[in-house]
Amino acid sequence: MTVTVIIACSCGKIEDEYIDRSIKYNIDWTKAADSSSTALAYIYWSSTKHHFNDDNLGTISKYDYWPEAHGLDVLVDAYKRTKSDVYKQRIHDFFEGVKTKNGGSFYNNYYDDMGWHGMAHLRALEATGDVRYEESSRKLWEFIVAGWNEDDGGGIPWNHENNEQGKSKGIPSNGPAAIIAAKRWQKYKETEVVNGHNNLEWLSKIYSWMKENRVVQQSGRVFENINDKNGDWTYNAGTYLGAAVEYYKITGNKVYLNDAIKTADWTTSTLINANNKVLSDWAEQENHDVNLFKGIFVRYLTELIKTPDLPDSARKRYVNFLKNSAQILWTKGAAKSPAVLFGYHWWEAPLNGKASLRAELSGSMLMESMALLQKEGYLN
């Protein structure tokens, strides 16, 4: 990686607002992704129990069910990019290792957590052909759909608990579910019917509930509580716009593409650090769930960038936004010796040689996204 400092004025227009033109970065994103995903696959991986550890020092946490799914997602990203047997073997071993860690099944009390696994397992199936993931992704989807109820107009609750907190509905449970419905419709079409509806019908029901109950139509803001902006999270915006992109792929209806664009514009102008315009969530802190949220948004913004009908001006805007976040993460927010470790703030490297799994996953997702965009010509 070479960083060349040039004395120059930063005079970019709106389409270049995310790029600091006073610095020229020459980063090979493929090598960056290689370094970060290799660190994840070796340093965060338990070679004996076949699951991800809570940090790079080998700590194990029983609360890592949902980050494990995103670890699988990064393994799939890296395998699709490299075709390395290392990643394929990890994907294979993950199935039994994580199932055993979770008590012998992939079932969980939380619908959102099962949603992350449902998406990741379907991607693992498609990447490797491992039929075990076909069965697990189907069962997870059946568990999730069973949570839908018509109380307060529909939606899937947070968890199974029969109390007010358990009954609460929001994007965390419904966003992943909508994406699963879209992906499963594209794969299985009319042959799969769950709880009386095919997956396109489930996509319509879940997406409509989110749009009507958790999105400000004028701005594209995705919220959990309309009166609490500290509850606006990048992963909620990411899964909503991801569902919109998939809905557009299926129907060709520009309404859904416009939904995705509005939410992408709102997120990239609002959920950022004011000083450097880097993607950021309120409450980022050491070893916290929130540190994983950014990578989720990056995954689905990348899908939007790759959408052929996206206007060129919007594509350039989002590519520049990701470039800025990635350049700052790689040059300021990452420790690179003896291995790549990412900070939970993307502009601050981790201290004392320790980084949590959640922060590492977000950073690895961004590096894999940049490598993909570079390979497919979007960074030119």
Protein backbone atom coordinates (compact mmCIF):
# COMPACT_ATOMS: atom_id res chain seq x y z
CA MET A 1 0.00 0.00 0.00
CA THR A 2 1.38 3.39 -1.01
CA VAL A 3 0.16 6.72 0.31
CA THR A 4 1.39 9.78 -1.56
CA VAL A 5 0.81 13.16 0.05
CA ILE A 6 0.29 16.00 -2.39
CA ILE A 7 0.01 19.68 -1.46
CA ALA A 8 -3.18 20.74 -3.13
CA CYS A 9 -6.52 22.38 -2.52
CA SER A 10 -9.61 20.32 -1.76
CA CYS A 11 -12.04 21.84 -4.25
CA GLY A 12 -14.38 18.97 -5.15
CA LYS A 13 -18.01 19.45 -6.15
CA ILE A 14 -20.89 17.63 -4.53
CA GLU A 15 -20.07 14.37 -6.34
CA ASP A 16 -16.58 14.41 -4.82
CA GLU A 17 -17.54 15.63 -1.35
CA TYR A 18 -16.47 12.42 0.35
CA ILE A 19 -12.93 12.40 -1.05
CA ASP A 20 -10.12 14.40 0.55
CA ARG A 21 -8.40 15.63 -2.58
CA SER A 22 -5.36 16.78 -0.65
CA ILE A 23 -4.29 13.14 -0.30
CA LYS A 24 -3.81 10.64 -3.09
CA TYR A 25 -4.32 7.07 -1.97
CA ASN A 26 -2.99 4.16 -3.99
CA ILE A 27 -4.49 1.15 -2.25
CA ASP A 28 -4.77 -2.31 -3.74
CA TRP A 29 -8.12 -3.30 -2.30
CA THR A 30 -7.70 -6.93 -3.28
CA LYS A 31 -4.59 -7.16 -1.13
CA ALA A 32 -6.35 -5.30 1.66
CA ALA A 33 -9.23 -7.79 1.53
CA ASP A 34 -6.77 -10.68 1.45
CA SER A 35 -5.08 -9.40 4.60
CA SER A 36 -8.26 -8.69 6.53
CA SER A 37 -10.16 -11.86 5.59
CA THR A 38 -7.09 -14.00 6.26
CA ALA A 39 -6.86 -12.48 9.74
CA LEU A 40 -10.52 -13.26 10.33
CA ALA A 41 -10.19 -16.82 9.04
CA TYR A 42 -7.15 -17.65 11.16
CA ILE A 43 -6.91 -15.36 14.18
CA TYR A 44 -10.62 -15.16 15.07
CA TRP A 45 -11.37 -18.78 14.19
CA SER A 46 -11.30 -21.66 16.67
CA SER A 47 -9.45 -24.42 14.83
CA THR A 48 -10.72 -27.04 17.29
CA LYS A 49 -14.34 -25.96 17.88
CA HIS A 50 -14.94 -24.48 14.42
CA HIS A 51 -16.61 -21.21 15.31
CA PHE A 52 -15.53 -17.59 15.62
CA ASN A 53 -14.09 -16.29 18.86
CA ASP A 54 -15.18 -13.02 20.45
CA ASP A 55 -11.82 -11.32 19.81
CA ASN A 56 -8.37 -11.95 18.39
CA LEU A 57 -7.13 -13.26 21.76
CA GLY A 58 -9.37 -16.33 21.76
CA THR A 59 -12.18 -15.19 24.06
CA ILE A 60 -15.37 -17.20 23.58
CA SER A 61 -18.81 -15.67 24.16
CA LYS A 62 -22.12 -17.50 24.16
CA TYR A 63 -23.78 -14.31 22.89
CA ASP A 64 -22.04 -14.45 19.52
CA TYR A 65 -24.80 -16.28 17.63
CA TRP A 66 -25.63 -13.35 15.37
CA PRO A 67 -22.02 -12.20 14.69
CA GLU A 68 -21.23 -15.79 13.70
CA ALA A 69 -23.62 -15.35 10.76
CA HIS A 70 -21.71 -12.31 9.55
CA GLY A 71 -18.47 -14.23 9.95
CA LEU A 72 -19.94 -16.81 7.58
CA ASP A 73 -20.88 -14.01 5.20
CA VAL A 74 -17.28 -12.77 5.07
CA LEU A 75 -16.01 -16.32 4.50
CA VAL A 76 -18.43 -16.56 1.58
CA ASP A 77 -17.25 -13.18 0.24
CA ALA A 78 -13.62 -14.28 0.44
CA TYR A 79 -14.31 -17.70 -1.08
CA LYS A 80 -16.24 -16.25 -4.02
CA ARG A 81 -13.39 -13.82 -4.65
CA THR A 82 -10.45 -16.21 -4.25
CA LYS A 83 -11.83 -19.78 -4.58
CA SER A 84 -9.39 -20.63 -1.80
CA ASP A 85 -9.87 -24.04 -0.15
CA VAL A 86 -9.13 -22.40 3.21
CA TYR A 87 -12.35 -20.41 3.09
CA LYS A 88 -14.32 -23.31 1.66
CA GLN A 89 -13.16 -25.54 4.50
CA ARG A 90 -14.11 -22.91 7.08
CA ILE A 91 -17.58 -22.67 5.51
CA HIS A 92 -17.88 -26.46 5.70
CA ASP A 93 -16.68 -26.67 9.31
CA PHE A 94 -18.80 -23.71 10.42
CA PHE A 95 -22.01 -25.68 10.03
CA GLU A 96 -21.41 -28.23 12.75
CA GLY A 97 -19.17 -26.02 14.88
CA VAL A 98 -21.62 -23.16 15.27
CA LYS A 99 -24.61 -25.49 15.53
CA THR A 100 -22.91 -27.32 18.40
CA LYS A 101 -22.01 -24.03 20.09
CA ASN A 102 -25.68 -23.00 19.80
CA GLY A 103 -26.92 -26.12 21.58
CA GLY A 104 -27.35 -28.47 18.64
CA SER A 105 -29.47 -26.39 16.26
CA PHE A 106 -29.58 -22.99 14.59
CA TYR A 107 -32.84 -22.10 16.32
CA ASN A 108 -32.73 -18.96 18.47
CA ASN A 109 -35.26 -16.96 20.47
CA TYR A 110 -34.55 -13.85 18.44
CA TYR A 111 -36.08 -13.50 14.99
CA ASP A 112 -33.50 -10.96 13.88
CA ASP A 113 -30.62 -13.26 14.82
CA MET A 114 -32.16 -16.15 12.90
CA GLY A 115 -32.61 -13.75 9.98
CA TRP A 116 -28.88 -13.08 9.74
CA HIS A 117 -28.20 -16.82 9.71
CA GLY A 118 -30.98 -17.45 7.20
CA MET A 119 -29.36 -15.02 4.77
CA ALA A 120 -25.81 -16.24 5.35
CA HIS A 121 -26.74 -19.92 5.06
CA LEU A 122 -28.45 -19.33 1.73
CA ARG A 123 -25.32 -17.55 0.45
CA ALA A 124 -23.14 -20.43 1.70
CA LEU A 125 -25.34 -22.88 -0.18
CA GLU A 126 -25.12 -20.91 -3.40
CA ALA A 127 -21.36 -20.39 -3.11
CA THR A 128 -20.34 -23.95 -2.24
CA GLY A 129 -23.27 -26.23 -3.03
CA ASP A 130 -23.21 -27.61 0.52
CA VAL A 131 -26.75 -29.02 0.79
CA ARG A 132 -26.73 -28.91 4.59
CA TYR A 133 -27.17 -25.16 4.24
CA GLU A 134 -30.23 -25.68 2.05
CA GLU A 135 -31.98 -27.48 4.87
CA SER A 136 -30.84 -25.06 7.59
CA SER A 137 -31.77 -21.96 5.59
CA ARG A 138 -35.22 -23.42 4.91
CA LYS A 139 -35.83 -24.28 8.56
CA LEU A 140 -34.65 -20.87 9.69
CA TRP A 141 -37.04 -19.24 7.23
CA GLU A 142 -39.92 -21.32 8.54
CA PHE A 143 -39.08 -20.26 12.12
CA ILE A 144 -38.96 -16.60 11.09
CA VAL A 145 -42.21 -16.57 9.11
CA ALA A 146 -43.99 -18.22 12.02
CA GLY A 147 -43.33 -15.04 13.98
CA TRP A 148 -45.47 -12.84 11.72
CA ASN A 149 -48.67 -11.69 13.37
CA GLU A 150 -51.36 -9.17 12.50
CA ASP A 151 -51.23 -7.32 15.83
CA ASP A 152 -50.77 -3.59 15.13
CA GLY A 153 -50.98 -4.13 11.40
CA GLY A 154 -48.54 -6.99 10.96
CA GLY A 155 -44.78 -7.41 11.21
CA ILE A 156 -42.37 -9.83 12.85
CA PRO A 157 -41.52 -9.20 16.52
CA TRP A 158 -38.09 -9.05 18.07
CA ASN A 159 -38.25 -12.39 19.90
CA HIS A 160 -40.53 -15.12 21.21
CA GLU A 161 -40.94 -13.75 24.71
CA ASN A 162 -44.52 -12.93 25.56
CA ASN A 163 -43.80 -9.51 27.06
CA GLU A 164 -43.75 -5.94 25.76
CA GLN A 165 -40.09 -6.06 24.79
CA GLY A 166 -40.49 -9.38 23.04
CA LYS A 167 -43.54 -8.19 21.15
CA SER A 168 -41.82 -5.06 19.82
CA LYS A 169 -41.49 -4.99 16.05
CA GLY A 170 -38.94 -3.15 14.00
CA ILE A 171 -36.46 -3.24 11.16
CA PRO A 172 -33.99 -5.64 12.89
CA SER A 173 -36.41 -8.55 12.50
CA ASN A 174 -38.25 -7.45 9.36
CA GLY A 175 -35.37 -6.13 7.24
CA PRO A 176 -33.45 -9.42 7.06
CA ALA A 177 -36.73 -11.30 6.62
CA ALA A 178 -37.65 -9.21 3.58
CA ILE A 179 -34.26 -9.90 1.98
CA ILE A 180 -34.60 -13.62 2.67
CA ALA A 181 -38.07 -13.62 1.08
CA ALA A 182 -36.67 -11.89 -2.02
CA LYS A 183 -33.68 -14.21 -2.31
CA ARG A 184 -35.76 -17.32 -1.78
CA TRP A 185 -38.32 -16.17 -4.36
CA GLN A 186 -35.55 -15.68 -6.89
CA LYS A 187 -34.18 -19.15 -6.15
CA TYR A 188 -37.32 -21.24 -5.66
CA LYS A 189 -40.10 -19.20 -7.31
CA GLU A 190 -43.60 -20.69 -6.86
CA THR A 191 -42.30 -24.05 -5.63
CA GLU A 192 -41.89 -22.80 -2.06
CA VAL A 193 -44.94 -21.85 0.01
CA VAL A 194 -44.56 -21.14 3.72
CA ASN A 195 -47.50 -20.56 6.07
CA GLY A 196 -49.87 -20.13 3.15
CA HIS A 197 -47.84 -17.60 1.13
CA ASN A 198 -45.16 -17.84 -1.48
CA ASN A 199 -42.02 -15.79 -0.90
CA LEU A 200 -42.97 -12.94 -3.20
CA GLU A 201 -46.14 -12.51 -1.16
CA TRP A 202 -44.05 -12.54 2.02
CA LEU A 203 -41.72 -9.94 0.54
CA SER A 204 -44.67 -7.70 -0.29
CA LYS A 205 -46.19 -8.06 3.19
CA ILE A 206 -42.95 -7.49 5.09
CA TYR A 207 -41.64 -4.68 2.89
CA SER A 208 -44.95 -2.83 2.99
CA TRP A 209 -45.02 -3.09 6.78
CA MET A 210 -41.51 -1.59 7.05
CA LYS A 211 -42.19 1.21 4.59
CA GLU A 212 -45.46 2.19 6.22
CA ASN A 213 -44.31 1.91 9.83
CA ARG A 214 -40.56 2.59 10.01
CA VAL A 215 -39.62 4.91 7.13
CA VAL A 216 -40.07 8.65 6.64
CA GLN A 217 -41.16 8.74 3.01
CA GLN A 218 -39.91 12.22 2.21
CA SER A 219 -36.35 11.78 3.47
CA GLY A 220 -35.78 8.02 3.40
CA ARG A 221 -34.96 7.96 7.11
CA VAL A 222 -35.31 4.49 8.63
CA PHE A 223 -36.14 4.59 12.34
CA GLU A 224 -37.04 2.45 15.30
CA ASN A 225 -38.61 5.29 17.30
CA ILE A 226 -39.63 8.38 15.36
CA ASN A 227 -38.78 10.58 18.35
CA ASP A 228 -35.33 9.10 19.03
CA LYS A 229 -32.68 9.77 16.41
CA ASN A 230 -30.12 7.94 18.55
CA GLY A 231 -32.07 4.83 17.56
CA ASP A 232 -31.39 5.33 13.86
CA TRP A 233 -28.85 2.67 12.91
CA THR A 234 -26.84 1.86 9.80
CA TYR A 235 -27.88 -1.79 9.83
CA ASN A 236 -31.57 -0.85 9.74
CA ALA A 237 -31.00 1.48 6.80
CA GLY A 238 -28.88 -1.21 5.16
CA THR A 239 -31.40 -4.02 5.31
CA TYR A 240 -34.28 -1.77 4.24
CA LEU A 241 -32.42 -0.50 1.18
CA GLY A 242 -31.17 -4.05 0.55
CA ALA A 243 -34.76 -5.29 0.50
CA ALA A 244 -35.71 -2.43 -1.82
CA VAL A 245 -32.92 -3.37 -4.24
CA GLU A 246 -34.01 -7.02 -4.29
CA TYR A 247 -37.66 -6.02 -4.77
CA TYR A 248 -36.60 -3.87 -7.72
CA LYS A 249 -34.61 -6.76 -9.24
CA ILE A 250 -37.73 -8.92 -9.13
CA THR A 251 -40.34 -6.41 -10.31
CA GLY A 252 -38.47 -3.72 -12.26
CA ASN A 253 -40.67 -1.19 -10.44
CA LYS A 254 -38.69 2.05 -10.07
CA VAL A 255 -40.55 2.83 -6.86
CA TYR A 256 -38.30 0.37 -5.05
CA LEU A 257 -35.11 1.64 -6.65
CA ASN A 258 -36.09 5.16 -5.60
CA ASP A 259 -36.79 3.90 -2.07
CA ALA A 260 -33.26 2.51 -1.93
CA ILE A 261 -31.72 5.72 -3.28
CA LYS A 262 -33.54 7.91 -0.77
CA THR A 263 -32.44 5.79 2.16
CA ALA A 264 -28.87 5.55 0.85
CA ASP A 265 -28.71 9.35 0.49
CA TRP A 266 -30.16 9.88 3.96
CA THR A 267 -27.75 7.42 5.58
CA THR A 268 -24.60 8.67 3.85
CA SER A 269 -25.40 12.25 4.81
CA THR A 270 -26.69 11.60 8.35
CA LEU A 271 -25.13 8.51 9.98
CA ILE A 272 -21.57 9.76 9.63
CA ASN A 273 -18.83 11.36 11.65
CA ALA A 274 -19.16 15.10 11.11
CA ASN A 275 -15.40 15.65 10.89
CA ASN A 276 -14.46 13.14 8.22
CA LYS A 277 -17.77 11.94 6.72
CA VAL A 278 -16.94 8.34 7.62
CA LEU A 279 -19.84 5.98 8.25
CA SER A 280 -20.53 5.87 11.98
CA ASP A 281 -23.23 4.87 14.46
CA TRP A 282 -24.04 6.54 17.71
CA ALA A 283 -22.74 4.60 20.73
CA GLU A 284 -19.83 2.80 19.06
CA GLN A 285 -17.63 1.46 21.83
CA GLU A 286 -15.32 -1.39 22.73
CA ASN A 287 -16.80 -4.84 22.05
CA HIS A 288 -20.38 -3.75 21.41
CA ASP A 289 -23.01 -5.03 18.96
CA VAL A 290 -23.23 -1.61 17.33
CA ASN A 291 -19.73 -1.99 15.91
CA LEU A 292 -21.02 -4.59 13.46
CA PHE A 293 -23.76 -2.39 12.06
CA LYS A 294 -21.62 -0.43 9.57
CA GLY A 295 -20.51 -3.51 7.68
CA ILE A 296 -24.12 -4.53 7.14
CA PHE A 297 -24.92 -1.16 5.56
CA VAL A 298 -21.82 -1.43 3.35
CA ARG A 299 -22.93 -4.85 2.08
CA TYR A 300 -26.27 -3.56 0.84
CA LEU A 301 -25.00 -0.20 -0.40
CA THR A 302 -22.60 -2.24 -2.54
CA GLU A 303 -25.56 -4.12 -3.99
CA LEU A 304 -27.19 -0.80 -4.83
CA ILE A 305 -24.02 0.42 -6.54
CA LYS A 306 -24.04 -2.71 -8.71
CA THR A 307 -27.66 -2.19 -9.78
CA PRO A 308 -27.51 -1.48 -13.55
CA ASP A 309 -30.32 1.10 -13.60
CA LEU A 310 -28.87 3.22 -10.79
CA PRO A 311 -28.24 6.76 -12.12
CA ASP A 312 -24.55 7.39 -12.75
CA SER A 313 -24.54 10.43 -10.47
CA ALA A 314 -25.84 8.36 -7.55
CA ARG A 315 -23.40 5.54 -8.26
CA LYS A 316 -20.47 7.95 -8.26
CA ARG A 317 -21.71 9.50 -5.02
CA TYR A 318 -21.92 6.15 -3.22
CA VAL A 319 -18.60 4.88 -4.59
CA ASN A 320 -16.89 8.04 -3.38
CA PHE A 321 -18.53 7.67 0.00
CA LEU A 322 -17.25 4.11 0.38
CA LYS A 323 -13.82 5.10 -0.89
CA ASN A 324 -13.55 7.76 1.76
CA SER A 325 -14.59 5.43 4.59
CA ALA A 326 -12.33 2.64 3.31
CA GLN A 327 -9.29 4.85 2.80
CA ILE A 328 -9.57 6.30 6.28
CA LEU A 329 -10.18 2.88 7.84
CA TRP A 330 -7.18 1.33 6.06
CA THR A 331 -4.77 4.20 6.72
CA LYS A 332 -5.92 5.37 10.16
CA GLY A 333 -8.32 2.83 11.66
CA ALA A 334 -6.38 -0.40 11.20
CA ALA A 335 -3.43 -1.95 12.99
CA LYS A 336 -1.48 -4.04 10.46
CA SER A 337 1.15 -5.85 12.51
CA PRO A 338 1.32 -8.68 13.30
CA ALA A 339 -2.13 -8.95 11.67
CA VAL A 340 -4.85 -6.63 10.40
CA LEU A 341 -7.09 -5.48 13.26
CA PHE A 342 -9.82 -2.90 12.80
CA GLY A 343 -10.94 -0.24 15.26
CA TYR A 344 -14.60 0.21 16.11
CA HIS A 345 -14.30 3.85 15.03
CA TRP A 346 -13.07 3.60 11.46
CA TRP A 347 -10.68 6.50 12.00
CA GLU A 348 -9.00 5.10 15.14
CA ALA A 349 -6.86 1.96 15.20
CA PRO A 350 -7.43 -0.53 18.05
CA LEU A 351 -5.20 -0.19 21.08
CA ASN A 352 -3.18 -2.80 22.98
CA GLY A 353 -3.31 -5.36 20.18
CA LYS A 354 -6.95 -6.28 20.77
CA ALA A 355 -10.01 -5.96 18.55
CA SER A 356 -13.47 -7.46 19.01
CA LEU A 357 -15.07 -9.77 16.47
CA ARG A 358 -17.80 -7.26 15.67
CA ALA A 359 -15.40 -4.46 14.76
CA GLU A 360 -13.26 -6.88 12.76
CA LEU A 361 -16.27 -8.09 10.81
CA SER A 362 -17.37 -4.58 9.84
CA GLY A 363 -13.91 -3.70 8.62
CA SER A 364 -13.55 -6.96 6.73
CA MET A 365 -16.91 -6.43 5.02
CA LEU A 366 -15.79 -3.02 3.82
CA MET A 367 -12.50 -4.40 2.47
CA GLU A 368 -14.29 -7.23 0.66
CA SER A 369 -16.77 -4.76 -0.81
CA MET A 370 -13.98 -2.52 -2.05
CA ALA A 371 -12.18 -5.49 -3.61
CA LEU A 372 -15.41 -6.53 -5.35
CA LEU A 373 -16.07 -3.03 -6.65
CA GLN A 374 -12.46 -2.75 -7.82
CA LYS A 375 -12.66 -6.10 -9.64
CA GLU A 376 -15.91 -5.20 -11.37
CA GLY A 377 -14.64 -1.80 -12.51
CA TYR A 378 -16.68 0.50 -10.31
CA LEU A 379 -13.64 2.26 -8.80
CA ASN A 380 -12.20 3.40 -12.13
